Each structure stands twice: as C-alpha cells, then as structure tokens.
N, C-alpha and C. Protein backbone atom coordinates (compact mmCIF):
# COMPACT_ATOMS: atom_id res chain seq x y z
N UNK A 1 -79.55 58.50 12.95
CA UNK A 1 -79.09 58.50 11.58
C UNK A 1 -78.52 57.14 11.19
N UNK A 2 -77.86 56.52 12.15
CA UNK A 2 -77.25 55.23 11.87
C UNK A 2 -78.31 54.20 11.49
N UNK A 3 -79.45 54.23 12.17
CA UNK A 3 -80.51 53.25 11.92
C UNK A 3 -81.13 53.38 10.54
N UNK A 4 -81.04 54.55 9.94
CA UNK A 4 -81.66 54.76 8.63
C UNK A 4 -80.62 55.03 7.54
N UNK A 5 -79.41 54.59 7.78
CA UNK A 5 -78.37 54.71 6.76
C UNK A 5 -78.01 56.14 6.40
N UNK A 6 -78.15 57.06 7.36
CA UNK A 6 -77.78 58.44 7.13
C UNK A 6 -78.79 59.25 6.34
N UNK A 7 -79.97 58.72 6.11
CA UNK A 7 -81.00 59.41 5.33
C UNK A 7 -81.70 60.47 6.19
N UNK A 8 -81.25 61.72 6.09
CA UNK A 8 -81.78 62.80 6.92
C UNK A 8 -83.27 63.03 6.66
N UNK A 9 -83.71 62.86 5.43
CA UNK A 9 -85.13 63.02 5.11
C UNK A 9 -85.99 62.00 5.82
N UNK A 10 -85.51 60.77 5.84
CA UNK A 10 -86.24 59.70 6.52
C UNK A 10 -86.27 59.95 8.03
N UNK A 11 -85.15 60.42 8.57
CA UNK A 11 -85.10 60.74 10.00
C UNK A 11 -86.16 61.79 10.32
N UNK A 12 -86.24 62.83 9.54
CA UNK A 12 -87.22 63.90 9.78
C UNK A 12 -88.64 63.34 9.68
N UNK A 13 -88.88 62.49 8.71
CA UNK A 13 -90.21 61.90 8.54
C UNK A 13 -90.59 61.04 9.75
N UNK A 14 -89.66 60.21 10.21
CA UNK A 14 -89.92 59.36 11.36
C UNK A 14 -90.17 60.21 12.61
N UNK A 15 -89.34 61.23 12.80
CA UNK A 15 -89.51 62.10 13.97
C UNK A 15 -90.84 62.86 13.92
N UNK A 16 -91.20 63.33 12.73
CA UNK A 16 -92.49 64.02 12.59
C UNK A 16 -93.66 63.09 12.90
N UNK A 17 -93.60 61.87 12.42
CA UNK A 17 -94.66 60.89 12.72
C UNK A 17 -94.73 60.61 14.21
N UNK A 18 -93.57 60.47 14.82
CA UNK A 18 -93.51 60.24 16.26
C UNK A 18 -94.19 61.39 17.01
N UNK A 19 -93.78 62.61 16.71
CA UNK A 19 -94.32 63.77 17.43
C UNK A 19 -95.81 63.97 17.12
N UNK A 20 -96.23 63.67 15.92
CA UNK A 20 -97.65 63.78 15.57
C UNK A 20 -98.51 62.77 16.32
N UNK A 21 -97.95 61.60 16.62
CA UNK A 21 -98.70 60.54 17.27
C UNK A 21 -98.70 60.63 18.79
N UNK A 22 -97.74 61.34 19.35
CA UNK A 22 -97.59 61.38 20.81
C UNK A 22 -98.80 61.99 21.54
N UNK A 23 -99.42 63.05 21.05
CA UNK A 23 -100.59 63.57 21.79
C UNK A 23 -101.68 62.52 21.97
N UNK A 24 -101.94 61.74 20.96
CA UNK A 24 -102.96 60.68 21.05
C UNK A 24 -102.57 59.64 22.09
N UNK A 25 -101.31 59.25 22.08
CA UNK A 25 -100.84 58.24 23.03
C UNK A 25 -100.90 58.77 24.47
N UNK A 26 -100.46 60.00 24.66
CA UNK A 26 -100.46 60.58 26.00
C UNK A 26 -101.88 60.84 26.49
N UNK A 27 -102.77 61.27 25.61
CA UNK A 27 -104.18 61.45 26.00
C UNK A 27 -104.77 60.11 26.43
N UNK A 28 -104.49 59.07 25.68
CA UNK A 28 -104.99 57.74 26.04
C UNK A 28 -104.45 57.28 27.38
N UNK A 29 -103.18 57.53 27.63
CA UNK A 29 -102.58 57.16 28.91
C UNK A 29 -103.25 57.91 30.05
N UNK A 30 -103.44 59.21 29.88
CA UNK A 30 -104.08 60.00 30.93
C UNK A 30 -105.51 59.53 31.18
N UNK A 31 -106.25 59.24 30.12
CA UNK A 31 -107.63 58.74 30.28
C UNK A 31 -107.64 57.41 31.04
N UNK A 32 -106.72 56.53 30.69
CA UNK A 32 -106.65 55.23 31.37
C UNK A 32 -106.32 55.40 32.84
N UNK A 33 -105.40 56.30 33.14
CA UNK A 33 -105.04 56.55 34.54
C UNK A 33 -106.25 57.11 35.29
N UNK A 34 -106.92 58.07 34.70
CA UNK A 34 -108.11 58.67 35.34
C UNK A 34 -109.20 57.64 35.59
N UNK A 35 -109.34 56.70 34.67
CA UNK A 35 -110.37 55.67 34.79
C UNK A 35 -109.93 54.52 35.70
N UNK A 36 -108.68 54.52 36.10
CA UNK A 36 -108.17 53.43 36.92
C UNK A 36 -108.00 52.14 36.15
N UNK A 37 -107.83 52.25 34.84
CA UNK A 37 -107.71 51.08 33.97
C UNK A 37 -106.23 50.74 33.77
N UNK A 38 -105.72 49.86 34.62
CA UNK A 38 -104.29 49.53 34.55
C UNK A 38 -103.91 48.81 33.26
N UNK A 39 -104.80 48.00 32.72
CA UNK A 39 -104.51 47.30 31.46
C UNK A 39 -104.32 48.30 30.32
N UNK A 40 -105.23 49.24 30.23
CA UNK A 40 -105.15 50.25 29.17
C UNK A 40 -103.92 51.14 29.38
N UNK A 41 -103.66 51.51 30.61
CA UNK A 41 -102.48 52.33 30.92
C UNK A 41 -101.22 51.58 30.53
N UNK A 42 -101.18 50.29 30.82
CA UNK A 42 -100.02 49.48 30.47
C UNK A 42 -99.81 49.47 28.96
N UNK A 43 -100.89 49.33 28.20
CA UNK A 43 -100.77 49.29 26.74
C UNK A 43 -100.26 50.61 26.17
N UNK A 44 -100.81 51.73 26.68
CA UNK A 44 -100.34 53.03 26.20
C UNK A 44 -98.88 53.27 26.58
N UNK A 45 -98.51 52.94 27.81
CA UNK A 45 -97.13 53.12 28.24
C UNK A 45 -96.20 52.24 27.40
N UNK A 46 -96.62 51.03 27.12
CA UNK A 46 -95.82 50.12 26.29
C UNK A 46 -95.63 50.70 24.88
N UNK A 47 -96.68 51.25 24.32
CA UNK A 47 -96.59 51.84 22.99
C UNK A 47 -95.63 53.02 22.97
N UNK A 48 -95.75 53.90 23.96
CA UNK A 48 -94.83 55.04 24.04
C UNK A 48 -93.40 54.56 24.21
N UNK A 49 -93.21 53.56 25.05
CA UNK A 49 -91.87 53.01 25.27
C UNK A 49 -91.26 52.54 23.96
N UNK A 50 -92.01 51.78 23.19
CA UNK A 50 -91.51 51.26 21.92
C UNK A 50 -91.23 52.35 20.91
N UNK A 51 -92.14 53.30 20.84
CA UNK A 51 -91.94 54.40 19.89
C UNK A 51 -90.72 55.23 20.27
N UNK A 52 -90.54 55.48 21.57
CA UNK A 52 -89.39 56.24 22.04
C UNK A 52 -88.09 55.47 21.77
N UNK A 53 -88.12 54.16 21.97
CA UNK A 53 -86.94 53.35 21.69
C UNK A 53 -86.57 53.41 20.22
N UNK A 54 -87.56 53.43 19.36
CA UNK A 54 -87.30 53.47 17.92
C UNK A 54 -86.58 54.73 17.47
N UNK A 55 -86.77 55.82 18.21
CA UNK A 55 -86.08 57.06 17.83
C UNK A 55 -84.93 57.38 18.79
N UNK A 56 -84.59 56.42 19.63
CA UNK A 56 -83.48 56.56 20.59
C UNK A 56 -83.71 57.70 21.58
N UNK A 57 -84.95 57.88 22.02
CA UNK A 57 -85.28 58.87 23.04
C UNK A 57 -85.20 58.18 24.40
N UNK A 58 -83.98 58.00 24.89
CA UNK A 58 -83.71 57.22 26.08
C UNK A 58 -84.48 57.61 27.33
N UNK A 59 -84.48 58.89 27.72
CA UNK A 59 -85.20 59.26 28.94
C UNK A 59 -86.70 58.98 28.85
N UNK A 60 -87.31 59.29 27.72
CA UNK A 60 -88.73 59.02 27.54
C UNK A 60 -89.00 57.51 27.57
N UNK A 61 -88.16 56.76 26.93
CA UNK A 61 -88.30 55.31 26.90
C UNK A 61 -88.23 54.74 28.32
N UNK A 62 -87.27 55.22 29.10
CA UNK A 62 -87.11 54.73 30.47
C UNK A 62 -88.31 55.07 31.35
N UNK A 63 -88.84 56.27 31.20
CA UNK A 63 -89.99 56.67 32.01
C UNK A 63 -91.23 55.89 31.59
N UNK A 64 -91.42 55.71 30.29
CA UNK A 64 -92.55 54.92 29.81
C UNK A 64 -92.43 53.48 30.28
N UNK A 65 -91.21 52.97 30.33
CA UNK A 65 -90.99 51.61 30.83
C UNK A 65 -91.36 51.50 32.30
N UNK A 66 -91.03 52.52 33.09
CA UNK A 66 -91.40 52.53 34.51
C UNK A 66 -92.92 52.57 34.66
N UNK A 67 -93.59 53.35 33.80
CA UNK A 67 -95.05 53.43 33.85
C UNK A 67 -95.66 52.09 33.46
N UNK A 68 -95.11 51.46 32.44
CA UNK A 68 -95.61 50.15 32.01
C UNK A 68 -95.46 49.13 33.14
N UNK A 69 -94.32 49.13 33.80
CA UNK A 69 -94.06 48.19 34.89
C UNK A 69 -95.04 48.42 36.04
N UNK A 70 -95.24 49.68 36.42
CA UNK A 70 -96.17 49.98 37.51
C UNK A 70 -97.57 49.51 37.16
N UNK A 71 -98.01 49.78 35.93
CA UNK A 71 -99.34 49.36 35.51
C UNK A 71 -99.44 47.84 35.48
N UNK A 72 -98.42 47.18 34.99
CA UNK A 72 -98.42 45.71 34.95
C UNK A 72 -98.57 45.13 36.35
N UNK A 73 -97.97 45.81 37.32
CA UNK A 73 -98.05 45.36 38.71
C UNK A 73 -99.33 45.83 39.40
N UNK A 74 -100.18 46.56 38.65
CA UNK A 74 -101.45 47.03 39.21
C UNK A 74 -101.32 48.22 40.14
N UNK A 75 -100.18 48.93 40.07
CA UNK A 75 -99.92 50.05 40.96
C UNK A 75 -100.19 51.37 40.23
N UNK A 76 -101.36 51.94 40.48
CA UNK A 76 -101.73 53.20 39.86
C UNK A 76 -101.05 54.41 40.50
N UNK A 77 -100.57 54.27 41.73
CA UNK A 77 -100.09 55.43 42.48
C UNK A 77 -99.00 56.24 41.78
N UNK A 78 -98.01 55.65 41.12
CA UNK A 78 -96.98 56.48 40.48
C UNK A 78 -97.33 56.92 39.05
N UNK A 79 -98.43 56.43 38.50
CA UNK A 79 -98.68 56.65 37.07
C UNK A 79 -98.90 58.11 36.71
N UNK A 80 -99.62 58.87 37.52
CA UNK A 80 -99.86 60.27 37.18
C UNK A 80 -98.55 61.05 37.14
N UNK A 81 -97.68 60.82 38.12
CA UNK A 81 -96.39 61.51 38.15
C UNK A 81 -95.51 61.07 36.98
N UNK A 82 -95.56 59.78 36.65
CA UNK A 82 -94.77 59.29 35.51
C UNK A 82 -95.28 59.87 34.20
N UNK A 83 -96.59 59.99 34.05
CA UNK A 83 -97.16 60.59 32.84
C UNK A 83 -96.74 62.05 32.73
N UNK A 84 -96.72 62.75 33.85
CA UNK A 84 -96.28 64.15 33.85
C UNK A 84 -94.81 64.24 33.44
N UNK A 85 -94.00 63.34 33.96
CA UNK A 85 -92.59 63.32 33.58
C UNK A 85 -92.42 63.02 32.09
N UNK A 86 -93.25 62.12 31.57
CA UNK A 86 -93.20 61.82 30.14
C UNK A 86 -93.53 63.06 29.32
N UNK A 87 -94.50 63.83 29.78
CA UNK A 87 -94.86 65.08 29.07
C UNK A 87 -93.68 66.05 29.06
N UNK A 88 -92.99 66.17 30.20
CA UNK A 88 -91.82 67.05 30.26
C UNK A 88 -90.71 66.56 29.34
N UNK A 89 -90.52 65.26 29.28
CA UNK A 89 -89.50 64.71 28.39
C UNK A 89 -89.87 64.92 26.93
N UNK A 90 -91.17 64.84 26.63
CA UNK A 90 -91.62 65.13 25.26
C UNK A 90 -91.38 66.59 24.90
N UNK A 91 -91.63 67.48 25.85
CA UNK A 91 -91.39 68.91 25.60
C UNK A 91 -89.91 69.17 25.35
N UNK A 92 -89.05 68.54 26.12
CA UNK A 92 -87.61 68.69 25.92
C UNK A 92 -87.20 68.15 24.56
N UNK A 93 -87.77 67.03 24.18
CA UNK A 93 -87.49 66.46 22.87
C UNK A 93 -87.97 67.38 21.76
N UNK A 94 -89.18 67.90 21.92
CA UNK A 94 -89.73 68.83 20.93
C UNK A 94 -88.82 70.05 20.77
N UNK A 95 -88.36 70.59 21.89
CA UNK A 95 -87.47 71.75 21.86
C UNK A 95 -86.14 71.41 21.17
N UNK A 96 -85.63 70.22 21.42
CA UNK A 96 -84.37 69.81 20.79
C UNK A 96 -84.52 69.61 19.29
N UNK A 97 -85.70 69.19 18.86
CA UNK A 97 -85.92 68.92 17.44
C UNK A 97 -86.24 70.18 16.65
N UNK A 98 -86.77 71.19 17.32
CA UNK A 98 -87.14 72.46 16.66
C UNK A 98 -86.41 73.62 17.29
N UNK A 99 -85.10 73.71 17.02
CA UNK A 99 -84.29 74.78 17.64
C UNK A 99 -84.70 76.17 17.19
C-alpha cells in the first residue's frame, strides 16, 4: 500500500496482473528446465524475481533469486526443486490474497 500511496484499487489491479501473469512465467521456467536451457531458465527466474519484488512477495522473490543464481552458474540440478518451491509460494500467496 505504501508504494502506491494507499490506493487499494491500484493494489488489487497490480496483484491481479501479477497473478494472471505467473502461470505463463512458471510454464516458461519449467519448459526451460526440461529443455536444459539455463539461459532461458535464468531469464524466467529473473522475471519472477522482479515481479515478486514489486509486490513485496519476499519468499517468492528469494526463491526466484536462488533459481536465477543457479541458472547463471549453469547448475540445473536445484532448478526443478526451486521451481516447485516457487509454485508452493505462489499457492500460499494466492490463498492469502483470496481469503
């Protein structure tokens, strides 16, 4: 709320856009991991990290950052588990936003 001057309508709009875009981002990340494409995985993880930071979703941002770092280092081994953790964090966020 602080970032948008207390405008609850804008907050809802930003959160809705975030949640609407996440399936595409996560699908892209999973495809990149399956294909062994570390560059593409890094880009998707970076995008999720930035989007999560914009809405102050700390746990998701941190996990996406770890995925981005692993991909940047060319280490595919933790990416599937990190993507799964990101999905769980998204579910928790979704539940918190839609009580």
